[in-house]
Protein backbone atom coordinates (compact mmCIF):
# COMPACT_ATOMS: atom_id res chain seq x y z
CA UNK A 1 0.00 0.00 0.00
CA UNK A 2 1.34 3.41 -0.98
CA UNK A 3 1.60 5.95 1.86
CA UNK A 4 0.82 9.59 1.37
CA UNK A 5 3.79 11.90 1.80
CA UNK A 6 3.50 14.23 4.78
CA UNK A 7 3.21 17.84 3.57
CA UNK A 8 2.95 19.65 6.90
CA UNK A 9 5.63 22.21 7.65
CA UNK A 10 6.01 21.39 11.33
CA UNK A 11 4.78 19.58 14.40
CA UNK A 12 1.03 19.65 15.03
CA UNK A 13 -0.29 20.60 18.46
CA UNK A 14 -3.69 19.17 19.48
CA UNK A 15 -6.16 21.81 20.70
CA UNK A 16 -9.93 22.23 20.94
CA UNK A 17 -10.34 25.92 20.15
CA UNK A 18 -13.29 27.71 18.59
CA UNK A 19 -12.99 29.30 15.13
CA UNK A 20 -15.37 31.70 13.40
CA UNK A 21 -14.86 32.90 9.86
CA UNK A 22 -16.38 34.43 6.74
CA UNK A 23 -15.49 34.15 3.10
CA UNK A 24 -13.86 37.20 1.54
CA UNK A 25 -13.53 38.13 -2.10
CA UNK A 26 -10.27 38.97 -3.81
CA UNK A 27 -11.16 42.65 -3.28
CA UNK A 28 -11.38 42.14 0.48
CA UNK A 29 -15.14 42.59 0.86
CA UNK A 30 -17.00 40.23 3.15
CA UNK A 31 -19.55 37.96 1.57
CA UNK A 32 -23.09 37.56 2.96
CA UNK A 33 -24.07 36.02 6.28
CA UNK A 34 -24.75 32.72 4.52
CA UNK A 35 -20.97 32.35 4.21
CA UNK A 36 -20.41 32.40 8.00
CA UNK A 37 -18.34 29.45 9.21
CA UNK A 38 -17.98 28.00 12.70
CA UNK A 39 -16.07 25.02 13.95
CA UNK A 40 -13.50 23.53 16.31
CA UNK A 41 -9.75 23.66 15.70
CA UNK A 42 -8.48 20.09 16.23
CA UNK A 43 -4.77 20.78 15.77
CA UNK A 44 -2.54 23.68 14.80
CA UNK A 45 1.02 24.35 13.66
CA UNK A 46 2.93 27.33 12.31
CA UNK A 47 1.58 26.82 8.77
CA UNK A 48 -2.09 26.15 9.42
CA UNK A 49 -4.69 24.11 11.24
CA UNK A 50 -7.28 21.36 10.96
CA UNK A 51 -10.87 22.49 11.53
CA UNK A 52 -13.90 20.29 12.26
CA UNK A 53 -17.08 21.92 10.94
CA UNK A 54 -20.64 21.01 10.00
CA UNK A 55 -20.87 23.71 7.34
CA UNK A 56 -19.93 23.23 3.68
CA UNK A 57 -17.02 25.30 2.43
CA UNK A 58 -15.46 25.75 -0.97
CA UNK A 59 -11.91 24.52 -1.60
CA UNK A 60 -9.44 27.37 -2.20
CA UNK A 61 -11.82 29.82 -0.48
CA UNK A 62 -10.12 32.64 1.42
CA UNK A 63 -11.53 33.26 4.89
CA UNK A 64 -11.27 36.09 7.38
CA UNK A 65 -11.15 34.19 10.68
CA UNK A 66 -10.98 34.63 14.42
CA UNK A 67 -9.45 31.87 16.55
CA UNK A 68 -10.55 31.69 20.20
CA UNK A 69 -8.06 29.80 22.43
CA UNK A 70 -9.51 28.07 25.51
CA UNK A 71 -11.13 30.51 27.91
CA UNK A 72 -10.61 33.51 25.66
CA UNK A 73 -13.47 35.87 24.86
CA UNK A 74 -11.37 37.77 22.34
CA UNK A 75 -10.50 36.15 19.03
CA UNK A 76 -7.13 36.24 17.31
CA UNK A 77 -7.74 37.62 13.79
CA UNK A 78 -6.17 35.95 10.76
CA UNK A 79 -6.74 35.25 7.07
CA UNK A 80 -6.72 31.63 5.91
CA UNK A 81 -7.08 29.58 2.72
CA UNK A 82 -8.94 26.26 2.44
CA UNK A 83 -6.41 23.64 1.25
CA UNK A 84 -8.30 20.35 1.63
CA UNK A 85 -11.49 18.75 2.98
CA UNK A 86 -12.22 15.22 4.19
CA UNK A 87 -15.18 13.51 5.83
CA UNK A 88 -14.54 13.29 9.59
CA UNK A 89 -13.52 9.65 10.26
CA UNK A 90 -14.66 9.91 13.90
CA UNK A 91 -18.25 11.03 13.34
CA UNK A 92 -20.34 13.73 11.70
CA UNK A 93 -18.85 16.79 10.06
CA UNK A 94 -15.95 17.58 7.77
CA UNK A 95 -12.27 18.05 8.57
CA UNK A 96 -10.91 21.09 6.72
CA UNK A 97 -7.25 21.98 6.28
CA UNK A 98 -6.68 25.74 6.52
CA UNK A 99 -3.40 27.49 5.69
CA UNK A 100 -2.43 30.79 7.32
CA UNK A 101 -2.07 33.60 4.78
CA UNK A 102 -1.44 36.22 7.48
PDB file of N, CA and C in Angstrom:
ATOM      1  N   UNK A   1       0.840  -1.173   0.000  1.00  0.00           N
ATOM      2  CA  UNK A   1       0.000   0.000   0.000  1.00  0.00           C
ATOM      3  C   UNK A   1       0.892   1.245   0.000  1.00  0.00           C
ATOM      4  N   UNK A   2       0.558   2.185  -0.847  1.00  0.00           N
ATOM      5  CA  UNK A   2       1.336   3.410  -0.976  1.00  0.00           C
ATOM      6  C   UNK A   2       0.913   4.415   0.094  1.00  0.00           C
ATOM      7  N   UNK A   3       1.886   4.955   0.821  1.00  0.00           N
ATOM      8  CA  UNK A   3       1.599   5.948   1.861  1.00  0.00           C
ATOM      9  C   UNK A   3       1.671   7.343   1.286  1.00  0.00           C
ATOM     10  N   UNK A   4       0.794   8.188   1.765  1.00  0.00           N
ATOM     11  CA  UNK A   4       0.815   9.590   1.366  1.00  0.00           C
ATOM     12  C   UNK A   4       1.982  10.304   2.026  1.00  0.00           C
ATOM     13  N   UNK A   5       2.668  11.134   1.264  1.00  0.00           N
ATOM     14  CA  UNK A   5       3.795  11.898   1.795  1.00  0.00           C
ATOM     15  C   UNK A   5       3.276  13.033   2.683  1.00  0.00           C
ATOM     16  N   UNK A   6       3.873  13.168   3.848  1.00  0.00           N
ATOM     17  CA  UNK A   6       3.500  14.233   4.784  1.00  0.00           C
ATOM     18  C   UNK A   6       3.907  15.585   4.208  1.00  0.00           C
ATOM     19  N   UNK A   7       2.952  16.522   4.136  1.00  0.00           N
ATOM     20  CA  UNK A   7       3.211  17.841   3.567  1.00  0.00           C
ATOM     21  C   UNK A   7       3.267  18.944   4.617  1.00  0.00           C
ATOM     22  N   UNK A   8       2.985  18.624   5.865  1.00  0.00           N
ATOM     23  CA  UNK A   8       2.954  19.653   6.902  1.00  0.00           C
ATOM     24  C   UNK A   8       4.340  20.228   7.138  1.00  0.00           C
ATOM     25  N   UNK A   9       4.358  21.506   7.485  1.00  0.00           N
ATOM     26  CA  UNK A   9       5.626  22.212   7.645  1.00  0.00           C
ATOM     27  C   UNK A   9       6.200  22.121   9.057  1.00  0.00           C
ATOM     28  N   UNK A  10       5.514  21.472   9.959  1.00  0.00           N
ATOM     29  CA  UNK A  10       6.012  21.392  11.328  1.00  0.00           C
ATOM     30  C   UNK A  10       5.131  20.522  12.197  1.00  0.00           C
ATOM     31  N   UNK A  11       5.529  20.388  13.446  1.00  0.00           N
ATOM     32  CA  UNK A  11       4.785  19.575  14.402  1.00  0.00           C
ATOM     33  C   UNK A  11       3.386  20.136  14.627  1.00  0.00           C
ATOM     34  N   UNK A  12       2.407  19.244  14.736  1.00  0.00           N
ATOM     35  CA  UNK A  12       1.031  19.646  15.031  1.00  0.00           C
ATOM     36  C   UNK A  12       0.796  19.582  16.538  1.00  0.00           C
ATOM     37  N   UNK A  13       0.040  20.552  17.038  1.00  0.00           N
ATOM     38  CA  UNK A  13      -0.294  20.604  18.457  1.00  0.00           C
ATOM     39  C   UNK A  13      -1.800  20.434  18.610  1.00  0.00           C
ATOM     40  N   UNK A  14      -2.248  19.382  19.313  1.00  0.00           N
ATOM     41  CA  UNK A  14      -3.685  19.174  19.484  1.00  0.00           C
ATOM     42  C   UNK A  14      -4.290  20.251  20.381  1.00  0.00           C
ATOM     43  N   UNK A  15      -5.411  20.794  19.949  1.00  0.00           N
ATOM     44  CA  UNK A  15      -6.155  21.806  20.700  1.00  0.00           C
ATOM     45  C   UNK A  15      -7.643  21.573  20.454  1.00  0.00           C
ATOM     46  N   UNK A  16      -8.490  22.211  21.194  1.00  0.00           N
ATOM     47  CA  UNK A  16      -9.933  22.233  20.938  1.00  0.00           C
ATOM     48  C   UNK A  16     -10.401  23.673  21.080  1.00  0.00           C
ATOM     49  N   UNK A  17     -10.011  24.503  20.138  1.00  0.00           N
ATOM     50  CA  UNK A  17     -10.344  25.920  20.150  1.00  0.00           C
ATOM     51  C   UNK A  17     -11.494  26.196  19.200  1.00  0.00           C
ATOM     52  N   UNK A  18     -12.189  27.273  19.442  1.00  0.00           N
ATOM     53  CA  UNK A  18     -13.294  27.710  18.589  1.00  0.00           C
ATOM     54  C   UNK A  18     -12.740  28.576  17.453  1.00  0.00           C
ATOM     55  N   UNK A  19     -13.340  28.446  16.266  1.00  0.00           N
ATOM     56  CA  UNK A  19     -12.988  29.299  15.128  1.00  0.00           C
ATOM     57  C   UNK A  19     -14.270  29.815  14.498  1.00  0.00           C
ATOM     58  N   UNK A  20     -14.285  31.092  14.164  1.00  0.00           N
ATOM     59  CA  UNK A  20     -15.368  31.705  13.399  1.00  0.00           C
ATOM     60  C   UNK A  20     -14.745  32.370  12.191  1.00  0.00           C
ATOM     61  N   UNK A  21     -15.413  32.274  11.050  1.00  0.00           N
ATOM     62  CA  UNK A  21     -14.860  32.896   9.857  1.00  0.00           C
ATOM     63  C   UNK A  21     -15.927  33.249   8.844  1.00  0.00           C
ATOM     64  N   UNK A  22     -15.514  34.032   7.856  1.00  0.00           N
ATOM     65  CA  UNK A  22     -16.377  34.431   6.742  1.00  0.00           C
ATOM     66  C   UNK A  22     -15.535  34.441   5.487  1.00  0.00           C
ATOM     67  N   UNK A  23     -16.171  34.071   4.377  1.00  0.00           N
ATOM     68  CA  UNK A  23     -15.489  34.145   3.098  1.00  0.00           C
ATOM     69  C   UNK A  23     -15.266  35.591   2.699  1.00  0.00           C
ATOM     70  N   UNK A  24     -14.130  35.863   2.063  1.00  0.00           N
ATOM     71  CA  UNK A  24     -13.862  37.202   1.541  1.00  0.00           C
ATOM     72  C   UNK A  24     -13.518  37.086   0.065  1.00  0.00           C
ATOM     73  N   UNK A  25     -13.834  38.113  -0.675  1.00  0.00           N
ATOM     74  CA  UNK A  25     -13.530  38.128  -2.103  1.00  0.00           C
ATOM     75  C   UNK A  25     -12.102  38.599  -2.303  1.00  0.00           C
ATOM     76  N   UNK A  26     -11.633  38.532  -3.524  1.00  0.00           N
ATOM     77  CA  UNK A  26     -10.267  38.969  -3.807  1.00  0.00           C
ATOM     78  C   UNK A  26     -10.106  40.474  -3.609  1.00  0.00           C
ATOM     79  N   UNK A  27     -11.218  41.212  -3.533  1.00  0.00           N
ATOM     80  CA  UNK A  27     -11.159  42.652  -3.278  1.00  0.00           C
ATOM     81  C   UNK A  27     -11.189  42.974  -1.792  1.00  0.00           C
ATOM     82  N   UNK A  28     -11.393  41.939  -0.967  1.00  0.00           N
ATOM     83  CA  UNK A  28     -11.376  42.137   0.476  1.00  0.00           C
ATOM     84  C   UNK A  28     -12.731  42.387   1.101  1.00  0.00           C
ATOM     85  N   UNK A  29     -13.800  42.376   0.312  1.00  0.00           N
ATOM     86  CA  UNK A  29     -15.136  42.590   0.861  1.00  0.00           C
ATOM     87  C   UNK A  29     -15.671  41.294   1.432  1.00  0.00           C
ATOM     88  N   UNK A  30     -16.352  41.408   2.565  1.00  0.00           N
ATOM     89  CA  UNK A  30     -16.995  40.234   3.147  1.00  0.00           C
ATOM     90  C   UNK A  30     -18.167  39.808   2.288  1.00  0.00           C
ATOM     91  N   UNK A  31     -18.377  38.481   2.256  1.00  0.00           N
ATOM     92  CA  UNK A  31     -19.546  37.961   1.573  1.00  0.00           C
ATOM     93  C   UNK A  31     -20.701  37.943   2.561  1.00  0.00           C
ATOM     94  N   UNK A  32     -21.888  37.523   2.125  1.00  0.00           N
ATOM     95  CA  UNK A  32     -23.085  37.558   2.956  1.00  0.00           C
ATOM     96  C   UNK A  32     -23.016  36.661   4.175  1.00  0.00           C
ATOM     97  N   UNK A  33     -24.009  36.811   5.051  1.00  0.00           N
ATOM     98  CA  UNK A  33     -24.072  36.020   6.276  1.00  0.00           C
ATOM     99  C   UNK A  33     -24.130  34.527   6.006  1.00  0.00           C
ATOM    100  N   UNK A  34     -24.643  34.136   4.829  1.00  0.00           N
ATOM    101  CA  UNK A  34     -24.748  32.723   4.518  1.00  0.00           C
ATOM    102  C   UNK A  34     -23.372  32.067   4.411  1.00  0.00           C
ATOM    103  N   UNK A  35     -22.323  32.869   4.321  1.00  0.00           N
ATOM    104  CA  UNK A  35     -20.970  32.346   4.209  1.00  0.00           C
ATOM    105  C   UNK A  35     -20.291  32.198   5.573  1.00  0.00           C
ATOM    106  N   UNK A  36     -21.007  32.502   6.662  1.00  0.00           N
ATOM    107  CA  UNK A  36     -20.409  32.398   7.996  1.00  0.00           C
ATOM    108  C   UNK A  36     -20.018  30.952   8.278  1.00  0.00           C
ATOM    109  N   UNK A  37     -18.876  30.773   8.915  1.00  0.00           N
ATOM    110  CA  UNK A  37     -18.336  29.449   9.212  1.00  0.00           C
ATOM    111  C   UNK A  37     -18.011  29.374  10.694  1.00  0.00           C
ATOM    112  N   UNK A  38     -18.339  28.246  11.311  1.00  0.00           N
ATOM    113  CA  UNK A  38     -17.980  28.001  12.703  1.00  0.00           C
ATOM    114  C   UNK A  38     -17.480  26.580  12.815  1.00  0.00           C
ATOM    115  N   UNK A  39     -16.566  26.367  13.737  1.00  0.00           N
ATOM    116  CA  UNK A  39     -16.067  25.018  13.948  1.00  0.00           C
ATOM    117  C   UNK A  39     -15.088  24.967  15.101  1.00  0.00           C
ATOM    118  N   UNK A  40     -14.479  23.785  15.255  1.00  0.00           N
ATOM    119  CA  UNK A  40     -13.498  23.532  16.310  1.00  0.00           C
ATOM    120  C   UNK A  40     -12.147  23.229  15.679  1.00  0.00           C
ATOM    121  N   UNK A  41     -11.121  23.935  16.139  1.00  0.00           N
ATOM    122  CA  UNK A  41      -9.752  23.659  15.700  1.00  0.00           C
ATOM    123  C   UNK A  41      -9.302  22.384  16.416  1.00  0.00           C
ATOM    124  N   UNK A  42      -8.912  21.363  15.646  1.00  0.00           N
ATOM    125  CA  UNK A  42      -8.476  20.091  16.226  1.00  0.00           C
ATOM    126  C   UNK A  42      -6.978  20.060  16.483  1.00  0.00           C
ATOM    127  N   UNK A  43      -6.214  20.671  15.569  1.00  0.00           N
ATOM    128  CA  UNK A  43      -4.773  20.780  15.769  1.00  0.00           C
ATOM    129  C   UNK A  43      -4.265  21.981  14.994  1.00  0.00           C
ATOM    130  N   UNK A  44      -3.085  22.458  15.391  1.00  0.00           N
ATOM    131  CA  UNK A  44      -2.540  23.677  14.804  1.00  0.00           C
ATOM    132  C   UNK A  44      -1.022  23.557  14.724  1.00  0.00           C
ATOM    133  N   UNK A  45      -0.433  24.206  13.731  1.00  0.00           N
ATOM    134  CA  UNK A  45       1.018  24.354  13.661  1.00  0.00           C
ATOM    135  C   UNK A  45       1.316  25.706  13.043  1.00  0.00           C
ATOM    136  N   UNK A  46       2.575  25.996  12.796  1.00  0.00           N
ATOM    137  CA  UNK A  46       2.934  27.331  12.311  1.00  0.00           C
ATOM    138  C   UNK A  46       2.403  27.624  10.915  1.00  0.00           C
ATOM    139  N   UNK A  47       2.058  26.601  10.138  1.00  0.00           N
ATOM    140  CA  UNK A  47       1.580  26.820   8.775  1.00  0.00           C
ATOM    141  C   UNK A  47       0.077  26.812   8.603  1.00  0.00           C
ATOM    142  N   UNK A  48      -0.647  26.231   9.569  1.00  0.00           N
ATOM    143  CA  UNK A  48      -2.092  26.148   9.419  1.00  0.00           C
ATOM    144  C   UNK A  48      -2.731  25.333  10.520  1.00  0.00           C
ATOM    145  N   UNK A  49      -3.944  24.851  10.233  1.00  0.00           N
ATOM    146  CA  UNK A  49      -4.686  24.105  11.238  1.00  0.00           C
ATOM    147  C   UNK A  49      -5.682  23.165  10.580  1.00  0.00           C
ATOM    148  N   UNK A  50      -6.204  22.250  11.392  1.00  0.00           N
ATOM    149  CA  UNK A  50      -7.281  21.358  10.959  1.00  0.00           C
ATOM    150  C   UNK A  50      -8.536  21.764  11.716  1.00  0.00           C
ATOM    151  N   UNK A  51      -9.602  22.031  10.977  1.00  0.00           N
ATOM    152  CA  UNK A  51     -10.872  22.488  11.534  1.00  0.00           C
ATOM    153  C   UNK A  51     -11.934  21.414  11.343  1.00  0.00           C
ATOM    154  N   UNK A  52     -12.725  21.153  12.367  1.00  0.00           N
ATOM    155  CA  UNK A  52     -13.900  20.293  12.261  1.00  0.00           C
ATOM    156  C   UNK A  52     -15.117  21.195  12.192  1.00  0.00           C
ATOM    157  N   UNK A  53     -15.905  21.071  11.117  1.00  0.00           N
ATOM    158  CA  UNK A  53     -17.080  21.921  10.935  1.00  0.00           C
ATOM    159  C   UNK A  53     -18.233  21.125  10.349  1.00  0.00           C
ATOM    160  N   UNK A  54     -19.436  21.604  10.575  1.00  0.00           N
ATOM    161  CA  UNK A  54     -20.643  21.012   9.999  1.00  0.00           C
ATOM    162  C   UNK A  54     -21.037  21.721   8.714  1.00  0.00           C
ATOM    163  N   UNK A  55     -20.449  22.889   8.467  1.00  0.00           N
ATOM    164  CA  UNK A  55     -20.870  23.715   7.338  1.00  0.00           C
ATOM    165  C   UNK A  55     -20.032  23.435   6.095  1.00  0.00           C
ATOM    166  N   UNK A  56     -20.685  23.417   4.926  1.00  0.00           N
ATOM    167  CA  UNK A  56     -19.928  23.229   3.684  1.00  0.00           C
ATOM    168  C   UNK A  56     -19.070  24.450   3.398  1.00  0.00           C
ATOM    169  N   UNK A  57     -17.949  24.214   2.758  1.00  0.00           N
ATOM    170  CA  UNK A  57     -17.024  25.297   2.431  1.00  0.00           C
ATOM    171  C   UNK A  57     -16.341  24.951   1.116  1.00  0.00           C
ATOM    172  N   UNK A  58     -16.038  25.950   0.359  1.00  0.00           N
ATOM    173  CA  UNK A  58     -15.459  25.751  -0.965  1.00  0.00           C
ATOM    174  C   UNK A  58     -13.937  25.653  -0.880  1.00  0.00           C
ATOM    175  N   UNK A  59     -13.365  24.653  -1.565  1.00  0.00           N
ATOM    176  CA  UNK A  59     -11.906  24.515  -1.599  1.00  0.00           C
ATOM    177  C   UNK A  59     -11.304  25.754  -2.254  1.00  0.00           C
ATOM    178  N   UNK A  60     -10.177  26.180  -1.756  1.00  0.00           N
ATOM    179  CA  UNK A  60      -9.441  27.373  -2.200  1.00  0.00           C
ATOM    180  C   UNK A  60     -10.090  28.676  -1.747  1.00  0.00           C
ATOM    181  N   UNK A  61     -11.190  28.604  -0.995  1.00  0.00           N
ATOM    182  CA  UNK A  61     -11.816  29.822  -0.477  1.00  0.00           C
ATOM    183  C   UNK A  61     -10.845  30.524   0.470  1.00  0.00           C
ATOM    184  N   UNK A  62     -10.907  31.842   0.486  1.00  0.00           N
ATOM    185  CA  UNK A  62     -10.117  32.643   1.421  1.00  0.00           C
ATOM    186  C   UNK A  62     -11.069  33.143   2.502  1.00  0.00           C
ATOM    187  N   UNK A  63     -10.666  32.962   3.756  1.00  0.00           N
ATOM    188  CA  UNK A  63     -11.528  33.263   4.893  1.00  0.00           C
ATOM    189  C   UNK A  63     -10.881  34.267   5.829  1.00  0.00           C
ATOM    190  N   UNK A  64     -11.683  35.210   6.294  1.00  0.00           N
ATOM    191  CA  UNK A  64     -11.271  36.089   7.382  1.00  0.00           C
ATOM    192  C   UNK A  64     -11.748  35.403   8.653  1.00  0.00           C
ATOM    193  N   UNK A  65     -10.818  35.025   9.530  1.00  0.00           N
ATOM    194  CA  UNK A  65     -11.153  34.189  10.684  1.00  0.00           C
ATOM    195  C   UNK A  65     -10.755  34.837  11.998  1.00  0.00           C
ATOM    196  N   UNK A  66     -11.383  34.338  13.053  1.00  0.00           N
ATOM    197  CA  UNK A  66     -10.976  34.628  14.423  1.00  0.00           C
ATOM    198  C   UNK A  66     -10.847  33.292  15.131  1.00  0.00           C
ATOM    199  N   UNK A  67      -9.712  33.090  15.788  1.00  0.00           N
ATOM    200  CA  UNK A  67      -9.454  31.874  16.552  1.00  0.00           C
ATOM    201  C   UNK A  67      -9.544  32.234  18.030  1.00  0.00           C
ATOM    202  N   UNK A  68     -10.317  31.435  18.773  1.00  0.00           N
ATOM    203  CA  UNK A  68     -10.545  31.687  20.197  1.00  0.00           C
ATOM    204  C   UNK A  68      -9.896  30.575  21.024  1.00  0.00           C
ATOM    205  N   UNK A  69      -8.670  30.798  21.547  1.00  0.00           N
ATOM    206  CA  UNK A  69      -8.059  29.796  22.429  1.00  0.00           C
ATOM    207  C   UNK A  69      -8.932  29.563  23.659  1.00  0.00           C
ATOM    208  N   UNK A  70      -8.721  28.430  24.323  1.00  0.00           N
ATOM    209  CA  UNK A  70      -9.508  28.068  25.507  1.00  0.00           C
ATOM    210  C   UNK A  70      -9.641  29.222  26.484  1.00  0.00           C
ATOM    211  N   UNK A  71     -10.866  29.500  26.895  1.00  0.00           N
ATOM    212  CA  UNK A  71     -11.129  30.507  27.907  1.00  0.00           C
ATOM    213  C   UNK A  71     -11.056  31.942  27.431  1.00  0.00           C
ATOM    214  N   UNK A  72     -10.742  32.153  26.167  1.00  0.00           N
ATOM    215  CA  UNK A  72     -10.608  33.514  25.655  1.00  0.00           C
ATOM    216  C   UNK A  72     -11.932  34.008  25.082  1.00  0.00           C
ATOM    217  N   UNK A  73     -12.274  35.246  25.409  1.00  0.00           N
ATOM    218  CA  UNK A  73     -13.474  35.868  24.860  1.00  0.00           C
ATOM    219  C   UNK A  73     -13.135  36.783  23.691  1.00  0.00           C
ATOM    220  N   UNK A  74     -11.842  36.933  23.439  1.00  0.00           N
ATOM    221  CA  UNK A  74     -11.370  37.775  22.344  1.00  0.00           C
ATOM    222  C   UNK A  74     -10.666  36.880  21.335  1.00  0.00           C
ATOM    223  N   UNK A  75     -11.092  36.978  20.066  1.00  0.00           N
ATOM    224  CA  UNK A  75     -10.503  36.146  19.031  1.00  0.00           C
ATOM    225  C   UNK A  75      -9.215  36.728  18.475  1.00  0.00           C
ATOM    226  N   UNK A  76      -8.353  35.840  17.994  1.00  0.00           N
ATOM    227  CA  UNK A  76      -7.126  36.238  17.310  1.00  0.00           C
ATOM    228  C   UNK A  76      -7.454  36.308  15.824  1.00  0.00           C
ATOM    229  N   UNK A  77      -7.368  37.495  15.203  1.00  0.00           N
ATOM    230  CA  UNK A  77      -7.744  37.622  13.794  1.00  0.00           C
ATOM    231  C   UNK A  77      -6.659  37.078  12.865  1.00  0.00           C
ATOM    232  N   UNK A  78      -7.086  36.458  11.771  1.00  0.00           N
ATOM    233  CA  UNK A  78      -6.170  35.950  10.761  1.00  0.00           C
ATOM    234  C   UNK A  78      -6.916  35.773   9.444  1.00  0.00           C
ATOM    235  N   UNK A  79      -6.174  35.562   8.385  1.00  0.00           N
ATOM    236  CA  UNK A  79      -6.744  35.253   7.073  1.00  0.00           C
ATOM    237  C   UNK A  79      -6.203  33.892   6.674  1.00  0.00           C
ATOM    238  N   UNK A  80      -7.097  33.007   6.207  1.00  0.00           N
ATOM    239  CA  UNK A  80      -6.720  31.627   5.905  1.00  0.00           C
ATOM    240  C   UNK A  80      -7.272  31.192   4.554  1.00  0.00           C
ATOM    241  N   UNK A  81      -6.640  30.164   3.991  1.00  0.00           N
ATOM    242  CA  UNK A  81      -7.083  29.577   2.724  1.00  0.00           C
ATOM    243  C   UNK A  81      -7.426  28.110   2.941  1.00  0.00           C
ATOM    244  N   UNK A  82      -8.546  27.663   2.369  1.00  0.00           N
ATOM    245  CA  UNK A  82      -8.941  26.257   2.438  1.00  0.00           C
ATOM    246  C   UNK A  82      -8.037  25.459   1.502  1.00  0.00           C
ATOM    247  N   UNK A  83      -7.329  24.459   2.039  1.00  0.00           N
ATOM    248  CA  UNK A  83      -6.408  23.641   1.247  1.00  0.00           C
ATOM    249  C   UNK A  83      -6.975  22.266   0.926  1.00  0.00           C
ATOM    250  N   UNK A  84      -7.731  21.674   1.863  1.00  0.00           N
ATOM    251  CA  UNK A  84      -8.298  20.351   1.633  1.00  0.00           C
ATOM    252  C   UNK A  84      -9.508  20.142   2.541  1.00  0.00           C
ATOM    253  N   UNK A  85     -10.316  19.133   2.181  1.00  0.00           N
ATOM    254  CA  UNK A  85     -11.487  18.749   2.976  1.00  0.00           C
ATOM    255  C   UNK A  85     -11.606  17.234   2.954  1.00  0.00           C
ATOM    256  N   UNK A  86     -11.993  16.658   4.088  1.00  0.00           N
ATOM    257  CA  UNK A  86     -12.218  15.216   4.194  1.00  0.00           C
ATOM    258  C   UNK A  86     -13.363  14.962   5.163  1.00  0.00           C
ATOM    259  N   UNK A  87     -14.133  13.921   4.892  1.00  0.00           N
ATOM    260  CA  UNK A  87     -15.176  13.508   5.829  1.00  0.00           C
ATOM    261  C   UNK A  87     -14.510  13.150   7.152  1.00  0.00           C
ATOM    262  N   UNK A  88     -15.079  13.585   8.264  1.00  0.00           N
ATOM    263  CA  UNK A  88     -14.535  13.289   9.588  1.00  0.00           C
ATOM    264  C   UNK A  88     -14.611  11.786   9.834  1.00  0.00           C
ATOM    265  N   UNK A  89     -13.482  11.096  10.045  1.00  0.00           N
ATOM    266  CA  UNK A  89     -13.518   9.648  10.256  1.00  0.00           C
ATOM    267  C   UNK A  89     -14.088   9.252  11.617  1.00  0.00           C
ATOM    268  N   UNK A  90     -14.204  10.210  12.540  1.00  0.00           N
ATOM    269  CA  UNK A  90     -14.656   9.912  13.899  1.00  0.00           C
ATOM    270  C   UNK A  90     -16.112  10.263  14.169  1.00  0.00           C
ATOM    271  N   UNK A  91     -16.856  10.669  13.135  1.00  0.00           N
ATOM    272  CA  UNK A  91     -18.253  11.028  13.345  1.00  0.00           C
ATOM    273  C   UNK A  91     -18.734  12.026  12.318  1.00  0.00           C
ATOM    274  N   UNK A  92     -19.786  12.773  12.662  1.00  0.00           N
ATOM    275  CA  UNK A  92     -20.341  13.727  11.696  1.00  0.00           C
ATOM    276  C   UNK A  92     -19.414  14.917  11.474  1.00  0.00           C
ATOM    277  N   UNK A  93     -19.620  15.588  10.366  1.00  0.00           N
ATOM    278  CA  UNK A  93     -18.853  16.792  10.059  1.00  0.00           C
ATOM    279  C   UNK A  93     -17.752  16.538   9.051  1.00  0.00           C
ATOM    280  N   UNK A  94     -17.035  17.598   8.754  1.00  0.00           N
ATOM    281  CA  UNK A  94     -15.954  17.576   7.774  1.00  0.00           C
ATOM    282  C   UNK A  94     -14.698  18.159   8.398  1.00  0.00           C
ATOM    283  N   UNK A  95     -13.568  17.501   8.180  1.00  0.00           N
ATOM    284  CA  UNK A  95     -12.274  18.052   8.568  1.00  0.00           C
ATOM    285  C   UNK A  95     -11.781  18.915   7.420  1.00  0.00           C
ATOM    286  N   UNK A  96     -11.352  20.132   7.734  1.00  0.00           N
ATOM    287  CA  UNK A  96     -10.915  21.095   6.724  1.00  0.00           C
ATOM    288  C   UNK A  96      -9.500  21.552   7.072  1.00  0.00           C
ATOM    289  N   UNK A  97      -8.605  21.480   6.105  1.00  0.00           N
ATOM    290  CA  UNK A  97      -7.249  21.984   6.282  1.00  0.00           C
ATOM    291  C   UNK A  97      -7.183  23.443   5.873  1.00  0.00           C
ATOM    292  N   UNK A  98      -6.788  24.308   6.784  1.00  0.00           N
ATOM    293  CA  UNK A  98      -6.683  25.743   6.518  1.00  0.00           C
ATOM    294  C   UNK A  98      -5.226  26.181   6.646  1.00  0.00           C
ATOM    295  N   UNK A  99      -4.766  26.974   5.688  1.00  0.00           N
ATOM    296  CA  UNK A  99      -3.395  27.494   5.690  1.00  0.00           C
ATOM    297  C   UNK A  99      -3.417  28.969   6.048  1.00  0.00           C
ATOM    298  N   UNK A 100      -2.534  29.375   6.955  1.00  0.00           N
ATOM    299  CA  UNK A 100      -2.426  30.789   7.316  1.00  0.00           C
ATOM    300  C   UNK A 100      -1.887  31.587   6.134  1.00  0.00           C
ATOM    301  N   UNK A 101      -2.580  32.662   5.777  1.00  0.00           N
ATOM    302  CA  UNK A 101      -2.072  33.602   4.784  1.00  0.00           C
ATOM    303  C   UNK A 101      -1.460  34.807   5.474  1.00  0.00           C
ATOM    304  N   UNK A 102      -1.974  35.132   6.654  1.00  0.00           N
ATOM    305  CA  UNK A 102      -1.438  36.221   7.484  1.00  0.00           C
ATOM    306  C   UNK A 102      -1.284  35.685   8.895  1.00  0.00           C
TER     307      UNK A 102
END
